[in-house]
């Protein structure tokens, strides 16, 4: 996998300004990935149920100072990309503002759920970006391959450790969650 690259500062400013100027149609979101502006539809019902299921399991065991939220915008300082993960776990205090763009480096865990249209981005590009920012845990729920992968230990733009289980098998999440993620309802 290649290391994420940052665009020139003037290009980044242009991309950010362009992304913010887009009149996003209802039901769509905007991300900046690999120097391109992506406008994507929001998730399907099954996708949303899967996110809700993981959110509920994490909230049940996470310390009260952590927040588990969906679809917030994360800024990757090292590359000036902007991702909108399906789920972010971070300190609640980070979210206590009117800001809409948060530093990815502040996330403890991010989760992406693949869709047919974005699966390769979630499998290949986003893990590099999150690891480059030092996000400790990247949880990938791959609906096409029916696998759940937890990547941990970000170092040199990549994750050093991965644990993968098929749908239906539990996946151990580390502290501060310390829960076996139940994947039996994943579709």
Protein backbone atom coordinates (compact mmCIF):
# COMPACT_ATOMS: atom_id res chain seq x y z
CA UNK A 1 0.00 0.00 0.00
CA UNK A 2 1.20 3.47 -0.83
CA UNK A 3 1.65 6.19 1.75
CA UNK A 4 -1.07 8.86 1.62
CA UNK A 5 0.17 12.00 -0.05
CA UNK A 6 -0.69 15.59 0.68
CA UNK A 7 -1.62 17.98 -2.10
CA UNK A 8 0.00 21.39 -2.51
CA UNK A 9 -1.35 23.99 -0.03
CA UNK A 10 -3.09 26.06 -2.73
CA UNK A 11 -4.73 22.91 -4.12
CA UNK A 12 -5.86 21.93 -0.62
CA UNK A 13 -7.43 25.32 -0.01
CA UNK A 14 -9.20 25.09 -3.37
CA UNK A 15 -10.46 21.58 -2.62
CA UNK A 16 -11.68 22.54 0.85
CA UNK A 17 -13.40 25.69 -0.45
CA UNK A 18 -14.99 23.75 -3.30
CA UNK A 19 -16.21 20.99 -1.00
CA UNK A 20 -17.74 23.53 1.37
CA UNK A 21 -19.42 25.40 -1.51
CA UNK A 22 -21.18 22.33 -2.90
CA UNK A 23 -24.92 22.36 -2.37
CA UNK A 24 -25.17 18.77 -1.23
CA UNK A 25 -28.43 17.11 -2.25
CA UNK A 26 -30.53 15.71 0.56
CA UNK A 27 -29.31 12.24 1.47
CA UNK A 28 -25.70 12.79 0.32
CA UNK A 29 -22.38 13.59 2.01
CA UNK A 30 -19.10 15.12 0.85
CA UNK A 31 -15.58 13.77 1.47
CA UNK A 32 -12.12 14.71 0.18
CA UNK A 33 -10.20 11.51 -0.60
CA UNK A 34 -6.93 11.27 -2.53
CA UNK A 35 -7.25 14.83 -3.84
CA UNK A 36 -10.78 14.31 -5.15
CA UNK A 37 -14.15 15.49 -3.90
CA UNK A 38 -16.53 12.55 -3.49
CA UNK A 39 -20.26 13.06 -3.11
CA UNK A 40 -21.86 9.85 -1.91
CA UNK A 41 -25.36 8.81 -0.93
CA UNK A 42 -26.02 8.23 2.73
CA UNK A 43 -26.30 4.58 3.81
CA UNK A 44 -29.04 2.07 3.09
CA UNK A 45 -31.26 0.79 5.87
CA UNK A 46 -29.26 -2.44 6.36
CA UNK A 47 -26.03 -0.42 6.47
CA UNK A 48 -27.54 1.94 9.06
CA UNK A 49 -28.81 -0.96 11.20
CA UNK A 50 -25.32 -2.45 11.25
CA UNK A 51 -23.84 0.88 12.38
CA UNK A 52 -26.54 1.19 15.05
CA UNK A 53 -25.82 -2.34 16.29
CA UNK A 54 -22.10 -1.62 16.75
CA UNK A 55 -22.85 1.79 18.29
CA UNK A 56 -25.18 0.18 20.85
CA UNK A 57 -22.63 -2.50 21.77
CA UNK A 58 -19.84 0.06 22.24
CA UNK A 59 -22.00 2.51 24.19
CA UNK A 60 -23.00 -0.27 26.60
CA UNK A 61 -19.39 -0.74 27.75
CA UNK A 62 -17.52 2.48 26.93
CA UNK A 63 -16.57 4.86 29.73
CA UNK A 64 -18.97 7.80 30.12
CA UNK A 65 -16.35 10.32 28.93
CA UNK A 66 -16.36 8.73 25.46
CA UNK A 67 -18.83 9.54 22.73
CA UNK A 68 -19.85 7.19 19.94
CA UNK A 69 -21.28 9.14 17.01
CA UNK A 70 -22.03 8.52 13.37
CA UNK A 71 -21.30 10.54 10.27
CA UNK A 72 -19.12 13.35 11.59
CA UNK A 73 -16.43 14.86 9.39
CA UNK A 74 -12.81 14.11 10.25
CA UNK A 75 -9.88 16.13 8.97
CA UNK A 76 -6.59 14.36 8.26
CA UNK A 77 -3.91 16.94 8.99
CA UNK A 78 -1.10 15.01 7.29
CA UNK A 79 -2.91 14.88 3.92
CA UNK A 80 -5.74 17.45 4.23
CA UNK A 81 -8.25 14.78 3.33
CA UNK A 82 -11.68 14.73 4.91
CA UNK A 83 -13.42 11.49 5.75
CA UNK A 84 -16.93 10.88 7.02
CA UNK A 85 -16.71 7.50 8.78
CA UNK A 86 -19.77 5.51 9.70
CA UNK A 87 -18.86 5.65 13.40
CA UNK A 88 -16.34 7.57 15.49
CA UNK A 89 -15.47 6.99 19.14
CA UNK A 90 -13.73 9.93 20.79
CA UNK A 91 -13.75 12.04 23.94
CA UNK A 92 -17.19 13.59 24.43
CA UNK A 93 -15.52 16.93 25.14
CA UNK A 94 -14.22 17.04 21.54
CA UNK A 95 -17.78 17.09 20.26
CA UNK A 96 -19.00 19.75 22.68
CA UNK A 97 -18.87 22.57 20.14
CA UNK A 98 -20.55 24.00 17.07
CA UNK A 99 -17.68 22.75 14.91
CA UNK A 100 -18.45 20.29 12.13
CA UNK A 101 -14.89 19.22 11.24
CA UNK A 102 -12.86 17.34 13.84
CA UNK A 103 -9.21 16.19 13.83
CA UNK A 104 -8.98 12.49 12.98
CA UNK A 105 -6.04 12.20 15.36
CA UNK A 106 -8.48 12.70 18.27
CA UNK A 107 -10.50 9.58 17.42
CA UNK A 108 -9.90 6.44 19.48
CA UNK A 109 -11.74 4.21 17.03
CA UNK A 110 -13.24 4.76 13.60
CA UNK A 111 -15.50 2.35 11.80
CA UNK A 112 -16.32 2.05 8.12
CA UNK A 113 -18.94 -0.24 6.61
CA UNK A 114 -18.38 -1.09 2.97
CA UNK A 115 -20.87 -0.53 0.21
CA UNK A 116 -20.41 -1.89 -3.31
CA UNK A 117 -19.46 1.58 -4.55
CA UNK A 118 -16.86 2.40 -1.85
CA UNK A 119 -15.47 -0.95 -0.71
CA UNK A 120 -11.95 -0.46 -2.10
CA UNK A 121 -11.69 3.02 -0.56
CA UNK A 122 -12.65 1.60 2.84
CA UNK A 123 -10.32 -1.41 2.46
CA UNK A 124 -7.25 0.30 0.97
CA UNK A 125 -7.22 4.10 1.20
CA UNK A 126 -8.92 4.99 4.46
CA UNK A 127 -6.84 2.64 6.67
CA UNK A 128 -3.70 4.40 5.43
CA UNK A 129 -5.16 7.80 6.20
CA UNK A 130 -6.36 6.82 9.66
CA UNK A 131 -3.07 5.10 10.51
CA UNK A 132 -1.14 8.17 9.31
CA UNK A 133 -3.12 10.26 11.80
CA UNK A 134 -2.47 7.82 14.65
CA UNK A 135 -6.06 6.62 15.06
CA UNK A 136 -5.50 3.68 17.37
CA UNK A 137 -8.24 1.38 16.05
CA UNK A 138 -9.83 1.01 12.61
CA UNK A 139 -12.86 -1.27 12.49
CA UNK A 140 -13.85 -2.37 8.98
CA UNK A 141 -17.11 -4.15 8.42
CA UNK A 142 -16.90 -5.59 4.94
CA UNK A 143 -20.43 -6.44 3.81
CA UNK A 144 -19.29 -7.76 0.44
CA UNK A 145 -16.75 -10.20 1.92
CA UNK A 146 -18.81 -10.78 5.10
CA UNK A 147 -15.78 -10.08 7.31
CA UNK A 148 -15.06 -7.83 10.29
CA UNK A 149 -11.48 -6.59 10.71
CA UNK A 150 -10.00 -4.67 13.62
CA UNK A 151 -6.72 -2.95 12.74
CA UNK A 152 -4.58 -1.53 15.57
CA UNK A 153 -1.14 -0.17 16.33
CA UNK A 154 -0.68 2.63 13.80
CA UNK A 155 2.94 3.04 12.77
CA UNK A 156 4.60 4.37 9.60
CA UNK A 157 1.26 5.03 7.85
CA UNK A 158 -0.06 1.52 8.37
CA UNK A 159 -1.57 -0.67 11.06
CA UNK A 160 0.73 -3.25 12.62
CA UNK A 161 -1.96 -5.65 13.87
CA UNK A 162 -5.13 -7.04 12.35
CA UNK A 163 -7.76 -9.45 13.60
CA UNK A 164 -10.40 -10.66 11.15
CA UNK A 165 -13.47 -12.77 11.80
CA UNK A 166 -16.34 -13.82 9.54
CA UNK A 167 -19.84 -12.49 10.17
CA UNK A 168 -21.41 -14.52 12.96
CA UNK A 169 -18.22 -14.87 15.05
CA UNK A 170 -17.35 -12.54 17.95
CA UNK A 171 -14.52 -10.01 17.65
CA UNK A 172 -12.73 -8.89 20.81
CA UNK A 173 -12.41 -5.11 21.10
CA UNK A 174 -9.61 -3.88 23.38
CA UNK A 175 -9.73 -1.40 26.27
CA UNK A 176 -11.39 0.96 26.85
CA UNK A 177 -14.23 -1.07 25.31
CA UNK A 178 -13.30 -4.58 26.45
CA UNK A 179 -16.23 -6.25 24.76
CA UNK A 180 -16.70 -9.13 22.38
CA UNK A 181 -18.43 -7.53 19.43
CA UNK A 182 -21.43 -9.69 18.55
CA UNK A 183 -21.60 -9.98 14.75
CA UNK A 184 -24.41 -12.54 14.53
CA UNK A 185 -26.90 -9.95 13.21
CA UNK A 186 -24.56 -8.52 10.58
CA UNK A 187 -25.82 -8.77 6.99
